[in-house]
Amino acid sequence: MRAAVLHEIGQDKLDVVDDIQATGFGPGKVKLRVRATGLCHSDLSAMSGVLPQPAPFVPGHEGAGEVIDVGDGVTGLKQGDRVLMCWLPACGQCPSCKRGQTHLCLAGFMNAGTPNFRRAGGDVFGFAGTGTFAEEVVVAAGCAVPIPDDVPYEIAALIGCGVTTGLGAAINTAKVEAGSSVAVIGCGGVGISTVQGARVQGAAQIVAVDPVASRREAALRFGATEAVSPEEFADARQRVTAGEGFDYVFEVVGRSATARTAYENTRRGGTLCVVGAGAMDDFFQVNMFELFFDEKRVLPSMYGGGDVLRSYERAIALWRAGRIDLESLITHRVQLAGINDALDQMRSGEALRTCIEI
C-alpha cells in the first residue's frame, strides 16, 4: 500500500512509498481504510523535532475512514463502519480517567512507541500511535469512533483533532462567558476553531491576531469581530478594552514568546488559555510578583480539555445546526502524492486546513 514517510527527524519533505504494510493487527485492534485526513501543525512539529516522535514515521493523526477488519474481542465495531480516528483514546481505568479527565489519559501515548507499519528495511512508526498519511492503518479499537452517515469523511477528520481542540479550549477549558472580550493569537485551523468556540459561547468582542493577512480575513468570516496583525495588537487592546486587557486570551501558536504576549494582554483576574503545542526546551516565564498580584489564570488546554467523545458529539451537533462552519475550514485539497504541496501551504500560512484525500 501507499503511505507518506519521514525517514529522519528534521527533514522537510515526505517520501510517498508504495512498499509499506500496516502491522499489529490482532485482538483488540481494528484495521482502517483511511479516506480523508487533515494536515495539522502538530505533524510539522513532529517532523521538525519540536514534538517527540521516533522515526522513521508516517505523520498524520487527524483522519477518518472505514473499518475493513476487526480483531478478536472488539465489540461495537464491524466491517464497513464509518469512523473518525481518536489519537488519544481513554483507557477508562487510570486515575485520570476515573477522575473524569479522560483527555489526560496516557494510555494512547504508549502506542507511539510501538511501530504501526513495516517496510523491507524495518519498522516504521505512526505519529501519535496512528499515522493517517497512509491508505490503511491498524489501531486500538478505542481509536475508532463511529460517525453518523451524514458526516463526510473530511469533516469527521477535522473533528478528530483541530476542531475539537479549538472549540474545547473556549467551551471546556476557559469556559468563555457571554458578553466577554476575547483575543485569539494564531489563526490557523485550531485558532479559527477557537474563534468559533468563543462565538458559540456568546463573546461580545473577539479579536483575531495573526501575521498572515489571508488568515485575518478568514477569522472575520468565522466570527471574529476584528482581526489585526501582531504589531496592531496593542492598539486593539486599547480600543476594545480601554487598555485593561482582555477577559480571555488564547495562545494557539505554541511558543513562549506568544504566550508571554498573551499573558501581558490578559486583564488582571482574566484567563490565559494555552492551546498551542510547543517544545520542551522553550520556557514560559512569569515573575512571582505578577503571578500573585495580577491573579491571572493560566490554563493549558490539552485536546480541548474535556471528554473527547462528548466533544465530538457536540461538534457534530453544532455543525448540523449551522452554528459552526467546518466546510470552509478546508481551504485546500490534495491527493497523497501531493502531500509536500500541503506541507508548503501549511508552512506559508496559505492554508487553514488541507484535506488529503487518500
Protein backbone atom coordinates (compact mmCIF):
# COMPACT_ATOMS: atom_id res chain seq x y z
CA MET A 1 0.00 0.00 0.00
CA ARG A 2 0.99 3.67 -0.16
CA ALA A 3 1.98 5.99 2.67
CA ALA A 4 3.98 9.18 3.20
CA VAL A 5 7.08 8.56 5.31
CA LEU A 6 9.53 10.84 7.09
CA HIS A 7 12.83 8.96 7.20
CA GLU A 8 14.69 11.22 9.66
CA ILE A 9 13.65 13.95 12.09
CA GLY A 10 14.48 17.34 10.63
CA GLN A 11 13.72 16.52 7.01
CA ASP A 12 11.19 18.89 5.47
CA LYS A 13 9.81 16.59 2.76
CA LEU A 14 7.90 13.34 2.94
CA ASP A 15 8.60 10.32 0.75
CA VAL A 16 5.46 8.72 -0.73
CA VAL A 17 6.20 5.00 -0.91
CA ASP A 18 4.18 2.01 -2.12
CA ASP A 19 6.01 -0.83 -0.34
CA ILE A 20 4.71 -0.40 3.21
CA GLN A 21 2.36 -2.57 5.25
CA ALA A 22 0.17 -1.82 8.26
CA THR A 23 1.18 -4.12 11.12
CA GLY A 24 -0.01 -5.10 14.58
CA PHE A 25 -3.47 -6.42 13.75
CA GLY A 26 -4.86 -8.81 16.36
CA PRO A 27 -7.08 -8.96 19.44
CA GLY A 28 -8.42 -5.58 20.50
CA LYS A 29 -7.33 -3.94 17.23
CA VAL A 30 -9.07 -2.74 14.09
CA LYS A 31 -7.74 -2.15 10.60
CA LEU A 32 -8.98 1.03 8.91
CA ARG A 33 -9.05 2.21 5.31
CA VAL A 34 -8.25 5.91 5.57
CA ARG A 35 -10.45 8.05 3.32
CA ALA A 36 -9.54 11.59 4.37
CA THR A 37 -7.02 13.18 6.68
CA GLY A 38 -6.20 16.72 7.65
CA LEU A 39 -2.74 18.23 7.94
CA CYS A 40 -2.30 19.60 11.45
CA HIS A 41 0.57 21.83 12.55
CA SER A 42 1.48 19.16 15.09
CA ASP A 43 2.52 16.95 12.16
CA LEU A 44 5.05 19.61 11.14
CA SER A 45 6.20 19.92 14.75
CA ALA A 46 6.84 16.19 14.93
CA MET A 47 8.75 16.29 11.65
CA SER A 48 10.98 19.12 12.90
CA GLY A 49 11.57 17.55 16.32
CA VAL A 50 9.60 20.11 18.34
CA LEU A 51 7.29 17.28 19.44
CA PRO A 52 8.96 13.99 20.40
CA GLN A 53 8.37 11.19 17.90
CA PRO A 54 10.54 8.21 16.90
CA ALA A 55 11.49 7.91 13.23
CA PRO A 56 11.05 6.77 10.57
CA PHE A 57 7.36 7.51 10.87
CA VAL A 58 4.15 8.13 8.96
CA PRO A 59 2.72 11.52 10.01
CA GLY A 60 -0.98 12.27 10.31
CA HIS A 61 -3.36 11.85 13.24
CA GLU A 62 -6.48 13.74 12.11
CA GLY A 63 -8.23 11.15 9.99
CA ALA A 64 -11.42 9.31 9.11
CA GLY A 65 -12.28 6.23 7.12
CA GLU A 66 -13.96 2.86 7.31
CA VAL A 67 -13.35 -0.36 9.22
CA ILE A 68 -12.03 -3.16 6.99
CA ASP A 69 -11.26 -5.76 9.69
CA VAL A 70 -11.98 -6.27 13.39
CA GLY A 71 -9.81 -8.23 15.80
CA ASP A 72 -10.98 -10.73 18.41
CA GLY A 73 -12.64 -9.21 21.45
CA VAL A 74 -13.66 -5.97 19.75
CA THR A 75 -17.27 -5.00 20.33
CA GLY A 76 -19.31 -2.13 18.93
CA LEU A 77 -17.45 -2.06 15.61
CA LYS A 78 -17.87 -4.08 12.44
CA GLN A 79 -16.55 -4.17 8.91
CA GLY A 80 -17.83 -1.23 6.89
CA ASP A 81 -18.42 1.10 9.84
CA ARG A 82 -17.58 4.74 9.16
CA VAL A 83 -15.27 6.11 11.87
CA LEU A 84 -13.08 9.02 12.81
CA MET A 85 -9.73 8.40 14.44
CA CYS A 86 -9.14 9.41 18.05
CA TRP A 87 -5.39 9.72 18.61
CA LEU A 88 -5.84 9.96 22.38
CA PRO A 89 -8.24 7.18 23.41
CA ALA A 90 -9.17 6.83 27.07
CA CYS A 91 -8.43 3.56 28.83
CA GLY A 92 -11.20 4.11 31.39
CA GLN A 93 -9.11 2.63 34.21
CA CYS A 94 -6.28 5.03 35.05
CA PRO A 95 -6.53 7.74 37.74
CA SER A 96 -7.12 10.47 35.13
CA CYS A 97 -9.99 8.56 33.56
CA LYS A 98 -11.54 7.78 36.94
CA ARG A 99 -11.43 11.49 37.79
CA GLY A 100 -13.28 12.28 34.59
CA GLN A 101 -10.20 13.81 32.93
CA THR A 102 -10.11 11.34 30.07
CA HIS A 103 -8.20 13.77 27.85
CA LEU A 104 -5.23 13.36 30.22
CA CYS A 105 -5.13 9.57 29.87
CA LEU A 106 -1.63 8.46 28.91
CA ALA A 107 -2.58 5.05 27.52
CA GLY A 108 -2.78 6.39 23.97
CA PHE A 109 0.70 7.87 24.18
CA MET A 110 2.09 4.43 24.92
CA ASN A 111 1.08 3.44 21.38
CA ALA A 112 3.52 5.99 19.94
CA GLY A 113 6.44 3.74 20.86
CA THR A 114 5.07 0.71 19.01
CA PRO A 115 5.59 0.53 15.24
CA ASN A 116 2.38 0.67 13.18
CA PHE A 117 3.97 -0.13 9.82
CA ARG A 118 6.74 -2.13 8.25
CA ARG A 119 8.86 -1.90 5.11
CA ALA A 120 11.57 -4.20 3.81
CA GLY A 121 14.14 -2.07 5.62
CA GLY A 122 12.49 -2.32 9.03
CA ASP A 123 9.78 -0.95 11.28
CA VAL A 124 8.02 2.39 10.72
CA PHE A 125 6.14 4.24 13.45
CA GLY A 126 2.87 6.14 13.19
CA PHE A 127 2.63 9.66 14.57
CA ALA A 128 0.93 9.65 17.98
CA GLY A 129 0.33 5.93 17.57
CA THR A 130 -1.78 6.45 14.43
CA GLY A 131 -0.26 7.57 11.09
CA THR A 132 -3.12 8.66 8.84
CA PHE A 133 -0.97 9.62 5.83
CA ALA A 134 -1.42 6.02 4.73
CA GLU A 135 -4.05 4.05 2.86
CA GLU A 136 -4.51 1.68 5.80
CA VAL A 137 -3.62 1.74 9.48
CA VAL A 138 -4.06 -0.61 12.43
CA VAL A 139 -5.06 0.99 15.74
CA ALA A 140 -6.56 0.02 19.08
CA ALA A 141 -10.32 -0.32 18.86
CA GLY A 142 -10.76 2.70 21.14
CA CYS A 143 -9.18 4.90 18.47
CA ALA A 144 -12.01 4.16 16.02
CA VAL A 145 -15.09 6.23 16.87
CA PRO A 146 -18.25 5.62 14.80
CA ILE A 147 -19.68 8.63 12.98
CA PRO A 148 -23.17 9.22 11.55
CA ASP A 149 -23.76 8.66 7.85
CA ASP A 150 -24.42 12.36 7.18
CA VAL A 151 -20.94 13.44 8.34
CA PRO A 152 -18.50 13.47 5.39
CA TYR A 153 -15.10 11.90 5.97
CA GLU A 154 -13.27 15.21 5.56
CA ILE A 155 -15.46 16.88 8.21
CA ALA A 156 -15.04 13.93 10.57
CA ALA A 157 -11.27 14.11 10.13
CA LEU A 158 -11.21 17.74 11.26
CA ILE A 159 -13.34 16.92 14.29
CA GLY A 160 -10.77 14.24 15.18
CA CYS A 161 -8.26 16.90 16.26
CA GLY A 162 -8.24 20.57 15.23
CA VAL A 163 -11.90 21.39 15.66
CA THR A 164 -12.21 19.53 18.96
CA THR A 165 -9.06 21.21 20.27
CA GLY A 166 -10.13 24.74 19.36
CA LEU A 167 -13.79 24.51 20.33
CA GLY A 168 -12.92 22.75 23.56
CA ALA A 169 -10.40 25.39 24.59
CA ALA A 170 -13.14 28.02 24.56
CA ILE A 171 -16.00 25.86 25.83
CA ASN A 172 -14.44 23.30 28.19
CA THR A 173 -11.20 24.82 29.43
CA ALA A 174 -11.67 28.59 29.53
CA LYS A 175 -15.48 28.45 29.75
CA VAL A 176 -15.83 31.77 27.94
CA GLU A 177 -18.68 33.81 29.40
CA ALA A 178 -21.32 35.58 27.32
CA GLY A 179 -20.57 39.25 26.79
CA SER A 180 -16.84 38.88 27.43
CA SER A 181 -13.85 40.08 25.44
CA VAL A 182 -11.61 37.51 23.76
CA ALA A 183 -8.35 37.59 21.82
CA VAL A 184 -7.04 34.63 19.83
CA ILE A 185 -3.35 34.66 18.88
CA GLY A 186 -2.72 32.34 15.94
CA CYS A 187 -5.47 31.77 13.38
CA GLY A 188 -4.76 28.51 11.64
CA GLY A 189 -7.33 25.73 11.78
CA VAL A 190 -7.20 25.37 15.58
CA GLY A 191 -7.23 29.13 16.15
CA ILE A 192 -10.22 29.59 13.83
CA SER A 193 -12.00 26.80 15.72
CA THR A 194 -11.24 28.69 18.95
CA VAL A 195 -12.79 31.81 17.42
CA GLN A 196 -15.89 29.77 16.59
CA GLY A 197 -15.99 28.37 20.11
CA ALA A 198 -15.85 31.85 21.62
CA ARG A 199 -18.64 32.96 19.30
CA VAL A 200 -20.80 29.96 20.28
CA GLN A 201 -20.25 30.91 23.94
CA GLY A 202 -21.50 34.44 23.28
CA ALA A 203 -18.34 36.53 23.50
CA ALA A 204 -19.08 40.17 22.65
CA GLN A 205 -15.68 41.03 21.19
CA ILE A 206 -13.34 38.53 19.51
CA VAL A 207 -10.05 39.92 18.26
CA ALA A 208 -8.05 37.60 16.00
CA VAL A 209 -4.28 38.12 15.83
CA ASP A 210 -2.15 36.69 13.04
CA PRO A 211 0.71 37.92 10.82
CA VAL A 212 -0.86 36.42 7.67
CA ALA A 213 -3.44 38.68 6.01
CA SER A 214 -5.46 35.82 4.50
CA ARG A 215 -5.86 34.23 7.91
CA ARG A 216 -7.01 37.51 9.40
CA GLU A 217 -9.61 37.79 6.64
CA ALA A 218 -10.71 34.22 7.32
CA ALA A 219 -11.07 34.90 11.05
CA LEU A 220 -13.58 37.64 10.29
CA ARG A 221 -15.65 35.26 8.21
CA PHE A 222 -15.69 32.73 11.06
CA GLY A 223 -16.88 35.14 13.74
CA ALA A 224 -14.04 37.44 14.86
CA THR A 225 -15.26 41.00 15.38
CA GLU A 226 -11.91 42.32 14.19
CA ALA A 227 -8.59 40.93 13.04
CA VAL A 228 -5.19 42.54 13.48
CA SER A 229 -1.52 41.85 12.86
CA PRO A 230 0.73 41.30 15.89
CA GLU A 231 2.00 44.89 15.51
CA GLU A 232 -1.58 46.18 15.78
CA PHE A 233 -2.49 44.12 18.84
CA ALA A 234 -1.62 46.80 21.42
CA ASP A 235 -3.85 49.31 19.67
CA ALA A 236 -6.69 46.78 19.56
CA ARG A 237 -6.35 46.16 23.28
CA GLN A 238 -6.59 49.89 23.96
CA ARG A 239 -9.57 50.32 21.66
CA VAL A 240 -11.56 47.26 22.74
CA THR A 241 -10.77 47.11 26.48
CA ALA A 242 -9.73 50.70 27.25
CA GLY A 243 -6.26 49.31 27.96
CA GLU A 244 -7.34 46.94 30.74
CA GLY A 245 -6.70 43.76 28.78
CA PHE A 246 -8.96 41.01 27.52
CA ASP A 247 -11.08 38.73 29.67
CA TYR A 248 -9.70 35.72 27.78
CA VAL A 249 -6.61 35.39 25.60
CA PHE A 250 -5.92 32.16 23.72
CA GLU A 251 -2.37 31.33 22.63
CA VAL A 252 -2.66 28.99 19.65
CA VAL A 253 0.92 29.07 18.39
CA GLY A 254 2.93 27.03 20.89
CA ARG A 255 5.78 29.44 21.60
CA SER A 256 6.84 31.08 24.82
CA ALA A 257 7.11 34.50 23.17
CA THR A 258 3.48 34.48 22.05
CA ALA A 259 2.40 33.01 25.40
CA ARG A 260 4.11 35.93 27.11
CA THR A 261 2.34 38.38 24.79
CA ALA A 262 -0.93 36.65 25.59
CA TYR A 263 -0.23 36.90 29.32
CA GLU A 264 0.55 40.61 29.09
CA ASN A 265 -2.67 41.29 27.18
CA THR A 266 -4.87 39.40 29.64
CA ARG A 267 -6.60 41.65 32.18
CA ARG A 268 -5.95 41.25 35.89
CA GLY A 269 -8.11 38.36 37.04
CA GLY A 270 -8.57 37.22 33.44
CA THR A 271 -7.69 33.94 31.77
CA LEU A 272 -4.78 32.98 29.53
CA CYS A 273 -5.52 29.68 27.78
CA VAL A 274 -2.53 27.93 26.19
CA VAL A 275 -3.67 25.80 23.25
CA GLY A 276 -0.54 25.57 21.08
CA ALA A 277 1.78 22.57 21.47
CA GLY A 278 5.35 23.76 21.99
CA ALA A 279 8.85 22.46 22.54
CA MET A 280 10.20 21.00 25.78
CA ASP A 281 13.13 23.44 25.82
CA ASP A 282 11.02 26.58 25.25
CA PHE A 283 10.28 28.05 28.67
CA PHE A 284 7.41 30.40 29.53
CA GLN A 285 8.38 32.80 32.30
CA VAL A 286 6.47 34.97 34.75
CA ASN A 287 7.81 36.59 37.87
CA MET A 288 6.39 35.64 41.23
CA PHE A 289 5.08 39.11 42.00
CA GLU A 290 2.97 39.47 38.86
CA LEU A 291 1.76 35.91 39.20
CA PHE A 292 0.45 36.71 42.68
CA PHE A 293 -0.58 40.34 42.25
CA ASP A 294 -2.40 40.13 38.91
CA GLU A 295 -4.20 36.87 39.72
CA LYS A 296 -4.39 35.82 36.10
CA ARG A 297 -5.45 32.24 35.49
CA VAL A 298 -3.05 30.30 33.23
CA LEU A 299 -4.90 27.30 31.82
CA PRO A 300 -3.31 24.83 29.42
CA SER A 301 -5.83 23.08 27.17
CA MET A 302 -4.90 19.58 26.06
CA TYR A 303 -7.04 18.29 23.18
CA GLY A 304 -9.88 20.62 24.11
CA GLY A 305 -9.76 19.90 27.81
CA GLY A 306 -12.73 17.55 28.14
CA ASP A 307 -14.24 14.17 27.30
CA VAL A 308 -13.30 13.89 23.63
CA LEU A 309 -16.19 11.57 22.76
CA ARG A 310 -18.65 14.11 24.14
CA SER A 311 -16.74 16.86 22.35
CA TYR A 312 -17.06 15.01 19.04
CA GLU A 313 -20.81 14.72 19.53
CA ARG A 314 -21.10 18.40 20.40
CA ALA A 315 -19.11 19.46 17.35
CA ILE A 316 -21.36 17.38 15.09
CA ALA A 317 -24.49 18.83 16.72
CA LEU A 318 -23.24 22.42 16.33
CA TRP A 319 -22.25 21.74 12.71
CA ARG A 320 -25.64 20.24 11.89
CA ALA A 321 -27.36 23.26 13.46
CA GLY A 322 -25.28 25.65 11.38
CA ARG A 323 -23.69 27.24 14.43
CA ILE A 324 -20.15 26.37 13.34
CA ASP A 325 -18.73 26.25 9.82
CA LEU A 326 -16.45 23.30 9.20
CA GLU A 327 -16.60 23.01 5.41
CA SER A 328 -14.92 26.40 4.95
CA LEU A 329 -12.02 25.38 7.19
CA ILE A 330 -10.84 23.20 4.31
CA THR A 331 -9.11 25.69 2.05
CA HIS A 332 -7.04 23.21 0.02
CA ARG A 333 -7.36 19.61 -1.16
CA VAL A 334 -4.62 17.31 -2.42
CA GLN A 335 -4.10 13.64 -3.17
CA LEU A 336 -1.49 11.72 -1.17
CA ALA A 337 1.01 12.24 -3.99
CA GLY A 338 0.74 15.99 -3.40
CA ILE A 339 1.43 15.84 0.33
CA ASN A 340 4.54 18.01 0.10
CA ASP A 341 2.49 20.78 -1.51
CA ALA A 342 0.24 20.60 1.54
CA LEU A 343 3.25 20.96 3.83
CA ASP A 344 4.31 24.10 1.96
CA GLN A 345 0.79 25.54 2.21
CA MET A 346 0.78 25.00 5.96
CA ARG A 347 4.24 26.48 6.49
CA SER A 348 3.44 29.62 4.49
CA GLY A 349 0.15 30.19 6.28
CA GLU A 350 -1.73 29.90 2.98
CA ALA A 351 -3.91 27.03 4.22
CA LEU A 352 -6.21 26.85 7.22
CA ARG A 353 -6.62 23.12 6.74
CA THR A 354 -5.59 20.98 3.79
CA CYS A 355 -7.59 17.80 3.27
CA ILE A 356 -5.52 14.92 1.95
CA GLU A 357 -7.78 12.53 0.08
CA ILE A 358 -6.28 9.06 0.42
